[in-house]
Amino acid sequence: QPEVVAAVLSHVQASEDRAWREALHPCGVCFEENASCDCVRFARCRHTFCKGCLSGYFTSQMDAGLAGMLLCPDPGCRAAATPAEVKGLIPASCNHHVTTM
């Protein structure tokens, strides 16, 4: 039975991921609709933001010395960003901070 449950959950996740990739998403910061390729969806909380807004947000947080506490910008969320979510959105000169997250 555990194998069946795991298979069903995997199928549901794959279907959800496919639907997300094919949809437009409102950015939680600028509220503009964006294609999935122009967005980042946080793995831990599933909130979605456009890459431009997230890039600015992460860069400003790092400039403020908060490299170790990069969180989802949704005001009601405290989910930490993963290094993979951050790395492609910040200037290359800041990437050394990401590896220490």
PDB file of N, CA and C in Angstrom:
ATOM      1  N   GLN A   1       0.801  -1.201   0.000  1.00  0.00           N
ATOM      2  CA  GLN A   1       0.000   0.000   0.000  1.00  0.00           C
ATOM      3  C   GLN A   1       0.853   1.279   0.000  1.00  0.00           C
ATOM      4  N   PRO A   2       1.975   1.335   0.749  1.00  0.00           N
ATOM      5  CA  PRO A   2       2.780   2.565   0.728  1.00  0.00           C
ATOM      6  C   PRO A   2       3.289   2.912  -0.672  1.00  0.00           C
ATOM      7  N   GLU A   3       3.568   1.878  -1.491  1.00  0.00           N
ATOM      8  CA  GLU A   3       4.032   2.140  -2.853  1.00  0.00           C
ATOM      9  C   GLU A   3       2.944   2.802  -3.684  1.00  0.00           C
ATOM     10  N   VAL A   4       1.703   2.386  -3.476  1.00  0.00           N
ATOM     11  CA  VAL A   4       0.579   2.958  -4.218  1.00  0.00           C
ATOM     12  C   VAL A   4       0.388   4.417  -3.821  1.00  0.00           C
ATOM     13  N   VAL A   5       0.440   4.697  -2.540  1.00  0.00           N
ATOM     14  CA  VAL A   5       0.297   6.073  -2.062  1.00  0.00           C
ATOM     15  C   VAL A   5       1.415   6.941  -2.624  1.00  0.00           C
ATOM     16  N   ALA A   6       2.640   6.444  -2.590  1.00  0.00           N
ATOM     17  CA  ALA A   6       3.778   7.196  -3.122  1.00  0.00           C
ATOM     18  C   ALA A   6       3.606   7.465  -4.617  1.00  0.00           C
ATOM     19  N   ALA A   7       3.123   6.480  -5.352  1.00  0.00           N
ATOM     20  CA  ALA A   7       2.911   6.647  -6.791  1.00  0.00           C
ATOM     21  C   ALA A   7       1.827   7.684  -7.079  1.00  0.00           C
ATOM     22  N   VAL A   8       0.749   7.648  -6.307  1.00  0.00           N
ATOM     23  CA  VAL A   8      -0.336   8.624  -6.482  1.00  0.00           C
ATOM     24  C   VAL A   8       0.164  10.026  -6.159  1.00  0.00           C
ATOM     25  N   LEU A   9       0.888  10.179  -5.059  1.00  0.00           N
ATOM     26  CA  LEU A   9       1.425  11.495  -4.680  1.00  0.00           C
ATOM     27  C   LEU A   9       2.399  12.018  -5.734  1.00  0.00           C
ATOM     28  N   SER A  10       3.216  11.141  -6.281  1.00  0.00           N
ATOM     29  CA  SER A  10       4.153  11.535  -7.327  1.00  0.00           C
ATOM     30  C   SER A  10       3.411  12.001  -8.571  1.00  0.00           C
ATOM     31  N   HIS A  11       2.357  11.286  -8.937  1.00  0.00           N
ATOM     32  CA  HIS A  11       1.552  11.663 -10.104  1.00  0.00           C
ATOM     33  C   HIS A  11       0.872  13.012  -9.883  1.00  0.00           C
ATOM     34  N   VAL A  12       0.318  13.218  -8.713  1.00  0.00           N
ATOM     35  CA  VAL A  12      -0.349  14.484  -8.390  1.00  0.00           C
ATOM     36  C   VAL A  12       0.657  15.634  -8.454  1.00  0.00           C
ATOM     37  N   GLN A  13       1.841  15.439  -7.889  1.00  0.00           N
ATOM     38  CA  GLN A  13       2.876  16.481  -7.904  1.00  0.00           C
ATOM     39  C   GLN A  13       3.302  16.794  -9.333  1.00  0.00           C
ATOM     40  N   ALA A  14       3.491  15.767 -10.149  1.00  0.00           N
ATOM     41  CA  ALA A  14       3.883  15.969 -11.545  1.00  0.00           C
ATOM     42  C   ALA A  14       2.796  16.725 -12.310  1.00  0.00           C
ATOM     43  N   SER A  15       1.538  16.401 -12.052  1.00  0.00           N
ATOM     44  CA  SER A  15       0.428  17.097 -12.705  1.00  0.00           C
ATOM     45  C   SER A  15       0.373  18.552 -12.277  1.00  0.00           C
ATOM     46  N   GLU A  16       0.575  18.798 -10.985  1.00  0.00           N
ATOM     47  CA  GLU A  16       0.569  20.175 -10.480  1.00  0.00           C
ATOM     48  C   GLU A  16       1.726  20.971 -11.080  1.00  0.00           C
ATOM     49  N   ASP A  17       2.898  20.376 -11.142  1.00  0.00           N
ATOM     50  CA  ASP A  17       4.066  21.054 -11.715  1.00  0.00           C
ATOM     51  C   ASP A  17       3.850  21.369 -13.192  1.00  0.00           C
ATOM     52  N   ARG A  18       3.265  20.435 -13.931  1.00  0.00           N
ATOM     53  CA  ARG A  18       2.987  20.644 -15.348  1.00  0.00           C
ATOM     54  C   ARG A  18       1.978  21.790 -15.529  1.00  0.00           C
ATOM     55  N   ALA A  19       0.934  21.813 -14.724  1.00  0.00           N
ATOM     56  CA  ALA A  19      -0.067  22.877 -14.806  1.00  0.00           C
ATOM     57  C   ALA A  19       0.557  24.228 -14.472  1.00  0.00           C
ATOM     58  N   TRP A  20       1.454  24.257 -13.484  1.00  0.00           N
ATOM     59  CA  TRP A  20       2.124  25.509 -13.113  1.00  0.00           C
ATOM     60  C   TRP A  20       2.981  26.016 -14.269  1.00  0.00           C
ATOM     61  N   ARG A  21       3.735  25.124 -14.900  1.00  0.00           N
ATOM     62  CA  ARG A  21       4.620  25.525 -16.012  1.00  0.00           C
ATOM     63  C   ARG A  21       3.831  26.094 -17.187  1.00  0.00           C
ATOM     64  N   GLU A  22       2.597  25.654 -17.376  1.00  0.00           N
ATOM     65  CA  GLU A  22       1.794  26.080 -18.523  1.00  0.00           C
ATOM     66  C   GLU A  22       0.923  27.305 -18.243  1.00  0.00           C
ATOM     67  N   ALA A  23       0.916  27.795 -17.020  1.00  0.00           N
ATOM     68  CA  ALA A  23       0.013  28.885 -16.637  1.00  0.00           C
ATOM     69  C   ALA A  23       0.742  30.227 -16.533  1.00  0.00           C
ATOM     70  N   LEU A  24      -0.058  31.286 -16.448  1.00  0.00           N
ATOM     71  CA  LEU A  24       0.449  32.615 -16.110  1.00  0.00           C
ATOM     72  C   LEU A  24       0.260  32.808 -14.614  1.00  0.00           C
ATOM     73  N   HIS A  25       1.160  33.591 -14.004  1.00  0.00           N
ATOM     74  CA  HIS A  25       1.126  33.758 -12.555  1.00  0.00           C
ATOM     75  C   HIS A  25       1.229  35.230 -12.176  1.00  0.00           C
ATOM     76  N   PRO A  26       0.372  35.682 -11.262  1.00  0.00           N
ATOM     77  CA  PRO A  26       0.528  37.057 -10.776  1.00  0.00           C
ATOM     78  C   PRO A  26       1.691  37.108  -9.787  1.00  0.00           C
ATOM     79  N   CYS A  27       2.580  38.057  -9.981  1.00  0.00           N
ATOM     80  CA  CYS A  27       3.689  38.247  -9.047  1.00  0.00           C
ATOM     81  C   CYS A  27       3.132  38.787  -7.739  1.00  0.00           C
ATOM     82  N   GLY A  28       3.587  38.249  -6.633  1.00  0.00           N
ATOM     83  CA  GLY A  28       3.141  38.701  -5.319  1.00  0.00           C
ATOM     84  C   GLY A  28       3.691  40.056  -4.923  1.00  0.00           C
ATOM     85  N   VAL A  29       4.586  40.626  -5.739  1.00  0.00           N
ATOM     86  CA  VAL A  29       5.151  41.950  -5.446  1.00  0.00           C
ATOM     87  C   VAL A  29       4.570  43.001  -6.384  1.00  0.00           C
ATOM     88  N   CYS A  30       4.756  42.828  -7.696  1.00  0.00           N
ATOM     89  CA  CYS A  30       4.299  43.836  -8.667  1.00  0.00           C
ATOM     90  C   CYS A  30       2.899  43.558  -9.206  1.00  0.00           C
ATOM     91  N   PHE A  31       2.375  42.361  -8.951  1.00  0.00           N
ATOM     92  CA  PHE A  31       1.034  41.940  -9.342  1.00  0.00           C
ATOM     93  C   PHE A  31       0.833  41.792 -10.849  1.00  0.00           C
ATOM     94  N   GLU A  32       1.912  41.834 -11.637  1.00  0.00           N
ATOM     95  CA  GLU A  32       1.804  41.605 -13.076  1.00  0.00           C
ATOM     96  C   GLU A  32       1.741  40.112 -13.347  1.00  0.00           C
ATOM     97  N   GLU A  33       1.051  39.744 -14.429  1.00  0.00           N
ATOM     98  CA  GLU A  33       0.967  38.347 -14.852  1.00  0.00           C
ATOM     99  C   GLU A  33       2.246  37.988 -15.596  1.00  0.00           C
ATOM    100  N   ASN A  34       2.829  36.841 -15.270  1.00  0.00           N
ATOM    101  CA  ASN A  34       4.070  36.410 -15.892  1.00  0.00           C
ATOM    102  C   ASN A  34       3.997  34.937 -16.261  1.00  0.00           C
ATOM    103  N   ALA A  35       4.697  34.579 -17.337  1.00  0.00           N
ATOM    104  CA  ALA A  35       4.842  33.172 -17.704  1.00  0.00           C
ATOM    105  C   ALA A  35       5.729  32.494 -16.674  1.00  0.00           C
ATOM    106  N   SER A  36       5.572  31.202 -16.543  1.00  0.00           N
ATOM    107  CA  SER A  36       6.358  30.438 -15.564  1.00  0.00           C
ATOM    108  C   SER A  36       7.854  30.609 -15.760  1.00  0.00           C
ATOM    109  N   CYS A  37       8.310  30.712 -17.007  1.00  0.00           N
ATOM    110  CA  CYS A  37       9.742  30.850 -17.268  1.00  0.00           C
ATOM    111  C   CYS A  37      10.297  32.164 -16.735  1.00  0.00           C
ATOM    112  N   ASP A  38       9.418  33.122 -16.431  1.00  0.00           N
ATOM    113  CA  ASP A  38       9.836  34.405 -15.882  1.00  0.00           C
ATOM    114  C   ASP A  38       9.574  34.505 -14.388  1.00  0.00           C
ATOM    115  N   CYS A  39       9.267  33.368 -13.760  1.00  0.00           N
ATOM    116  CA  CYS A  39       8.905  33.348 -12.341  1.00  0.00           C
ATOM    117  C   CYS A  39       9.767  32.362 -11.554  1.00  0.00           C
ATOM    118  N   VAL A  40       9.720  32.542 -10.252  1.00  0.00           N
ATOM    119  CA  VAL A  40      10.285  31.566  -9.316  1.00  0.00           C
ATOM    120  C   VAL A  40       9.169  31.194  -8.361  1.00  0.00           C
ATOM    121  N   ARG A  41       8.983  29.887  -8.173  1.00  0.00           N
ATOM    122  CA  ARG A  41       8.022  29.402  -7.185  1.00  0.00           C
ATOM    123  C   ARG A  41       8.832  28.781  -6.056  1.00  0.00           C
ATOM    124  N   PHE A  42       8.647  29.302  -4.866  1.00  0.00           N
ATOM    125  CA  PHE A  42       9.382  28.802  -3.714  1.00  0.00           C
ATOM    126  C   PHE A  42       8.992  27.355  -3.433  1.00  0.00           C
ATOM    127  N   ALA A  43       9.982  26.510  -3.273  1.00  0.00           N
ATOM    128  CA  ALA A  43       9.741  25.086  -3.040  1.00  0.00           C
ATOM    129  C   ALA A  43       9.031  24.841  -1.714  1.00  0.00           C
ATOM    130  N   ARG A  44       9.383  25.614  -0.706  1.00  0.00           N
ATOM    131  CA  ARG A  44       8.858  25.351   0.638  1.00  0.00           C
ATOM    132  C   ARG A  44       7.446  25.873   0.868  1.00  0.00           C
ATOM    133  N   CYS A  45       7.084  26.981   0.246  1.00  0.00           N
ATOM    134  CA  CYS A  45       5.764  27.575   0.508  1.00  0.00           C
ATOM    135  C   CYS A  45       4.885  27.670  -0.739  1.00  0.00           C
ATOM    136  N   ARG A  46       5.481  27.491  -1.918  1.00  0.00           N
ATOM    137  CA  ARG A  46       4.789  27.519  -3.205  1.00  0.00           C
ATOM    138  C   ARG A  46       4.355  28.923  -3.637  1.00  0.00           C
ATOM    139  N   HIS A  47       4.799  29.992  -2.954  1.00  0.00           N
ATOM    140  CA  HIS A  47       4.500  31.345  -3.416  1.00  0.00           C
ATOM    141  C   HIS A  47       5.298  31.626  -4.681  1.00  0.00           C
ATOM    142  N   THR A  48       4.719  32.432  -5.582  1.00  0.00           N
ATOM    143  CA  THR A  48       5.321  32.720  -6.880  1.00  0.00           C
ATOM    144  C   THR A  48       5.545  34.217  -7.037  1.00  0.00           C
ATOM    145  N   PHE A  49       6.736  34.549  -7.568  1.00  0.00           N
ATOM    146  CA  PHE A  49       7.114  35.936  -7.818  1.00  0.00           C
ATOM    147  C   PHE A  49       7.869  36.012  -9.129  1.00  0.00           C
ATOM    148  N   CYS A  50       7.803  37.166  -9.801  1.00  0.00           N
ATOM    149  CA  CYS A  50       8.585  37.303 -11.031  1.00  0.00           C
ATOM    150  C   CYS A  50      10.060  37.437 -10.668  1.00  0.00           C
ATOM    151  N   LYS A  51      10.901  37.020 -11.600  1.00  0.00           N
ATOM    152  CA  LYS A  51      12.341  37.022 -11.355  1.00  0.00           C
ATOM    153  C   LYS A  51      12.872  38.431 -11.118  1.00  0.00           C
ATOM    154  N   GLY A  52      12.316  39.423 -11.814  1.00  0.00           N
ATOM    155  CA  GLY A  52      12.778  40.805 -11.630  1.00  0.00           C
ATOM    156  C   GLY A  52      12.545  41.299 -10.214  1.00  0.00           C
ATOM    157  N   CYS A  53      11.361  41.070  -9.682  1.00  0.00           N
ATOM    158  CA  CYS A  53      11.062  41.513  -8.309  1.00  0.00           C
ATOM    159  C   CYS A  53      11.893  40.738  -7.292  1.00  0.00           C
ATOM    160  N   LEU A  54      12.011  39.433  -7.480  1.00  0.00           N
ATOM    161  CA  LEU A  54      12.800  38.634  -6.532  1.00  0.00           C
ATOM    162  C   LEU A  54      14.264  39.008  -6.568  1.00  0.00           C
ATOM    163  N   SER A  55      14.784  39.288  -7.747  1.00  0.00           N
ATOM    164  CA  SER A  55      16.181  39.690  -7.868  1.00  0.00           C
ATOM    165  C   SER A  55      16.429  40.966  -7.059  1.00  0.00           C
ATOM    166  N   GLY A  56      15.569  41.951  -7.235  1.00  0.00           N
ATOM    167  CA  GLY A  56      15.706  43.198  -6.480  1.00  0.00           C
ATOM    168  C   GLY A  56      15.554  42.983  -4.983  1.00  0.00           C
ATOM    169  N   TYR A  57      14.615  42.152  -4.603  1.00  0.00           N
ATOM    170  CA  TYR A  57      14.374  41.870  -3.185  1.00  0.00           C
ATOM    171  C   TYR A  57      15.577  41.183  -2.547  1.00  0.00           C
ATOM    172  N   PHE A  58      16.081  40.114  -3.198  1.00  0.00           N
ATOM    173  CA  PHE A  58      17.223  39.394  -2.636  1.00  0.00           C
ATOM    174  C   PHE A  58      18.473  40.279  -2.591  1.00  0.00           C
ATOM    175  N   THR A  59      18.696  41.068  -3.636  1.00  0.00           N
ATOM    176  CA  THR A  59      19.869  41.941  -3.665  1.00  0.00           C
ATOM    177  C   THR A  59      19.798  42.973  -2.548  1.00  0.00           C
ATOM    178  N   SER A  60      18.629  43.558  -2.324  1.00  0.00           N
ATOM    179  CA  SER A  60      18.499  44.549  -1.248  1.00  0.00           C
ATOM    180  C   SER A  60      18.670  43.900   0.123  1.00  0.00           C
ATOM    181  N   GLN A  61      18.178  42.682   0.277  1.00  0.00           N
ATOM    182  CA  GLN A  61      18.363  41.978   1.548  1.00  0.00           C
ATOM    183  C   GLN A  61      19.841  41.678   1.797  1.00  0.00           C
ATOM    184  N   MET A  62      20.553  41.275   0.760  1.00  0.00           N
ATOM    185  CA  MET A  62      21.978  40.991   0.903  1.00  0.00           C
ATOM    186  C   MET A  62      22.763  42.266   1.172  1.00  0.00           C
ATOM    187  N   ASP A  63      22.393  43.360   0.513  1.00  0.00           N
ATOM    188  CA  ASP A  63      23.055  44.647   0.768  1.00  0.00           C
ATOM    189  C   ASP A  63      22.850  45.101   2.208  1.00  0.00           C
ATOM    190  N   ALA A  64      21.730  44.674   2.814  1.00  0.00           N
ATOM    191  CA  ALA A  64      21.433  45.026   4.208  1.00  0.00           C
ATOM    192  C   ALA A  64      22.093  44.060   5.191  1.00  0.00           C
ATOM    193  N   GLY A  65      22.880  43.109   4.675  1.00  0.00           N
ATOM    194  CA  GLY A  65      23.581  42.162   5.543  1.00  0.00           C
ATOM    195  C   GLY A  65      22.744  40.973   5.969  1.00  0.00           C
ATOM    196  N   LEU A  66      21.682  40.702   5.251  1.00  0.00           N
ATOM    197  CA  LEU A  66      20.780  39.613   5.630  1.00  0.00           C
ATOM    198  C   LEU A  66      20.924  38.393   4.728  1.00  0.00           C
ATOM    199  N   ALA A  67      22.118  38.133   4.226  1.00  0.00           N
ATOM    200  CA  ALA A  67      22.335  37.024   3.285  1.00  0.00           C
ATOM    201  C   ALA A  67      21.947  35.675   3.876  1.00  0.00           C
ATOM    202  N   GLY A  68      22.081  35.504   5.169  1.00  0.00           N
ATOM    203  CA  GLY A  68      21.749  34.229   5.794  1.00  0.00           C
ATOM    204  C   GLY A  68      20.283  34.072   6.130  1.00  0.00           C
ATOM    205  N   MET A  69      19.470  35.106   5.842  1.00  0.00           N
ATOM    206  CA  MET A  69      18.046  35.077   6.203  1.00  0.00           C
ATOM    207  C   MET A  69      17.168  35.496   5.027  1.00  0.00           C
ATOM    208  N   LEU A  70      17.438  34.989   3.847  1.00  0.00           N
ATOM    209  CA  LEU A  70      16.640  35.342   2.685  1.00  0.00           C
ATOM    210  C   LEU A  70      15.341  34.542   2.713  1.00  0.00           C
ATOM    211  N   LEU A  71      14.249  35.267   2.937  1.00  0.00           N
ATOM    212  CA  LEU A  71      12.939  34.644   3.109  1.00  0.00           C
ATOM    213  C   LEU A  71      12.025  34.984   1.945  1.00  0.00           C
ATOM    214  N   CYS A  72      10.968  34.231   1.818  1.00  0.00           N
ATOM    215  CA  CYS A  72       9.901  34.534   0.871  1.00  0.00           C
ATOM    216  C   CYS A  72       9.401  35.943   1.168  1.00  0.00           C
ATOM    217  N   PRO A  73       9.232  36.780   0.131  1.00  0.00           N
ATOM    218  CA  PRO A  73       8.781  38.152   0.381  1.00  0.00           C
ATOM    219  C   PRO A  73       7.300  38.300   0.723  1.00  0.00           C
ATOM    220  N   ASP A  74       6.535  37.216   0.690  1.00  0.00           N
ATOM    221  CA  ASP A  74       5.134  37.309   1.084  1.00  0.00           C
ATOM    222  C   ASP A  74       5.077  37.724   2.551  1.00  0.00           C
ATOM    223  N   PRO A  75       4.334  38.783   2.877  1.00  0.00           N
ATOM    224  CA  PRO A  75       4.333  39.301   4.253  1.00  0.00           C
ATOM    225  C   PRO A  75       3.911  38.296   5.326  1.00  0.00           C
ATOM    226  N   GLY A  76       3.099  37.326   4.965  1.00  0.00           N
ATOM    227  CA  GLY A  76       2.643  36.355   5.956  1.00  0.00           C
ATOM    228  C   GLY A  76       3.441  35.068   5.974  1.00  0.00           C
ATOM    229  N   CYS A  77       4.557  35.035   5.255  1.00  0.00           N
ATOM    230  CA  CYS A  77       5.316  33.802   5.101  1.00  0.00           C
ATOM    231  C   CYS A  77       6.720  33.949   5.677  1.00  0.00           C
ATOM    232  N   ARG A  78       7.207  32.909   6.305  1.00  0.00           N
ATOM    233  CA  ARG A  78       8.562  32.919   6.868  1.00  0.00           C
ATOM    234  C   ARG A  78       9.424  31.811   6.248  1.00  0.00           C
ATOM    235  N   ALA A  79       9.024  31.286   5.087  1.00  0.00           N
ATOM    236  CA  ALA A  79       9.791  30.221   4.436  1.00  0.00           C
ATOM    237  C   ALA A  79      11.116  30.769   3.920  1.00  0.00           C
ATOM    238  N   ALA A  80      12.183  30.062   4.218  1.00  0.00           N
ATOM    239  CA  ALA A  80      13.515  30.457   3.763  1.00  0.00           C
ATOM    240  C   ALA A  80      13.707  30.052   2.308  1.00  0.00           C
ATOM    241  N   ALA A  81      14.367  30.919   1.559  1.00  0.00           N
ATOM    242  CA  ALA A  81      14.714  30.600   0.183  1.00  0.00           C
ATOM    243  C   ALA A  81      15.848  29.586   0.167  1.00  0.00           C
ATOM    244  N   THR A  82      15.827  28.711  -0.812  1.00  0.00           N
ATOM    245  CA  THR A  82      16.917  27.758  -0.971  1.00  0.00           C
ATOM    246  C   THR A  82      18.023  28.412  -1.800  1.00  0.00           C
ATOM    247  N   PRO A  83      19.259  27.934  -1.682  1.00  0.00           N
ATOM    248  CA  PRO A  83      20.335  28.491  -2.515  1.00  0.00           C
ATOM    249  C   PRO A  83      20.002  28.447  -4.010  1.00  0.00           C
ATOM    250  N   ALA A  84      19.360  27.398  -4.470  1.00  0.00           N
ATOM    251  CA  ALA A  84      18.994  27.299  -5.884  1.00  0.00           C
ATOM    252  C   ALA A  84      18.007  28.397  -6.287  1.00  0.00           C
ATOM    253  N   GLU A  85      17.100  28.774  -5.395  1.00  0.00           N
ATOM    254  CA  GLU A  85      16.126  29.825  -5.691  1.00  0.00           C
ATOM    255  C   GLU A  85      16.792  31.192  -5.751  1.00  0.00           C
ATOM    256  N   VAL A  86      17.884  31.363  -5.038  1.00  0.00           N
ATOM    257  CA  VAL A  86      18.559  32.656  -4.951  1.00  0.00           C
ATOM    258  C   VAL A  86      19.639  32.824  -6.004  1.00  0.00           C
ATOM    259  N   LYS A  87      20.386  31.795  -6.257  1.00  0.00           N
ATOM    260  CA  LYS A  87      21.630  31.889  -7.019  1.00  0.00           C
ATOM    261  C   LYS A  87      21.505  32.572  -8.384  1.00  0.00           C
ATOM    262  N   GLY A  88      20.517  32.247  -9.160  1.00  0.00           N
ATOM    263  CA  GLY A  88      20.390  32.840 -10.484  1.00  0.00           C
ATOM    264  C   GLY A  88      19.793  34.233 -10.497  1.00  0.00           C
ATOM    265  N   LEU A  89      19.405  34.747  -9.343  1.00  0.00           N
ATOM    266  CA  LEU A  89      18.703  36.032  -9.291  1.00  0.00           C
ATOM    267  C   LEU A  89      19.536  37.180  -8.743  1.00  0.00           C
ATOM    268  N   ILE A  90      20.702  36.894  -8.241  1.00  0.00           N
ATOM    269  CA  ILE A  90      21.526  37.947  -7.643  1.00  0.00           C
ATOM    270  C   ILE A  90      22.779  38.160  -8.478  1.00  0.00           C
ATOM    271  N   PRO A  91      23.411  39.314  -8.344  1.00  0.00           N
ATOM    272  CA  PRO A  91      24.643  39.556  -9.098  1.00  0.00           C
ATOM    273  C   PRO A  91      25.703  38.506  -8.774  1.00  0.00           C
ATOM    274  N   ALA A  92      26.509  38.163  -9.766  1.00  0.00           N
ATOM    275  CA  ALA A  92      27.553  37.150  -9.588  1.00  0.00           C
ATOM    276  C   ALA A  92      28.487  37.482  -8.440  1.00  0.00           C
ATOM    277  N   SER A  93      28.695  38.754  -8.176  1.00  0.00           N
ATOM    278  CA  SER A  93      29.601  39.146  -7.085  1.00  0.00           C
ATOM    279  C   SER A  93      29.062  38.756  -5.726  1.00  0.00           C
ATOM    280  N   CYS A  94      27.788  38.465  -5.630  1.00  0.00           N
ATOM    281  CA  CYS A  94      27.183  38.059  -4.345  1.00  0.00           C
ATOM    282  C   CYS A  94      27.034  36.555  -4.211  1.00  0.00           C
ATOM    283  N   ASN A  95      27.331  35.796  -5.245  1.00  0.00           N
ATOM    284  CA  ASN A  95      27.092  34.356  -5.208  1.00  0.00           C
ATOM    285  C   ASN A  95      27.860  33.634  -4.114  1.00  0.00           C
ATOM    286  N   HIS A  96      28.987  34.185  -3.662  1.00  0.00           N
ATOM    287  CA  HIS A  96      29.723  33.515  -2.600  1.00  0.00           C
ATOM    288  C   HIS A  96      28.927  33.494  -1.302  1.00  0.00           C
ATOM    289  N   HIS A  97      28.013  34.435  -1.108  1.00  0.00           N
ATOM    290  CA  HIS A  97      27.158  34.446   0.078  1.00  0.00           C
ATOM    291  C   HIS A  97      26.132  33.320   0.025  1.00  0.00           C
ATOM    292  N   VAL A  98      25.708  32.956  -1.174  1.00  0.00           N
ATOM    293  CA  VAL A  98      24.665  31.949  -1.333  1.00  0.00           C
ATOM    294  C   VAL A  98      25.146  30.577  -0.891  1.00  0.00           C
ATOM    295  N   THR A  99      26.382  30.270  -1.142  1.00  0.00           N
ATOM    296  CA  THR A  99      26.888  28.958  -0.784  1.00  0.00           C
ATOM    297  C   THR A  99      26.980  28.759   0.731  1.00  0.00           C
ATOM    298  N   THR A 100      26.913  29.852   1.480  1.00  0.00           N
ATOM    299  CA  THR A 100      26.980  29.741   2.947  1.00  0.00           C
ATOM    300  C   THR A 100      25.611  29.727   3.587  1.00  0.00           C
ATOM    301  N   MET A 101      24.561  29.735   2.775  1.00  0.00           N
ATOM    302  CA  MET A 101      23.194  29.731   3.321  1.00  0.00           C
ATOM    303  C   MET A 101      22.887  28.381   3.963  1.00  0.00           C
TER     304      MET A 101
END
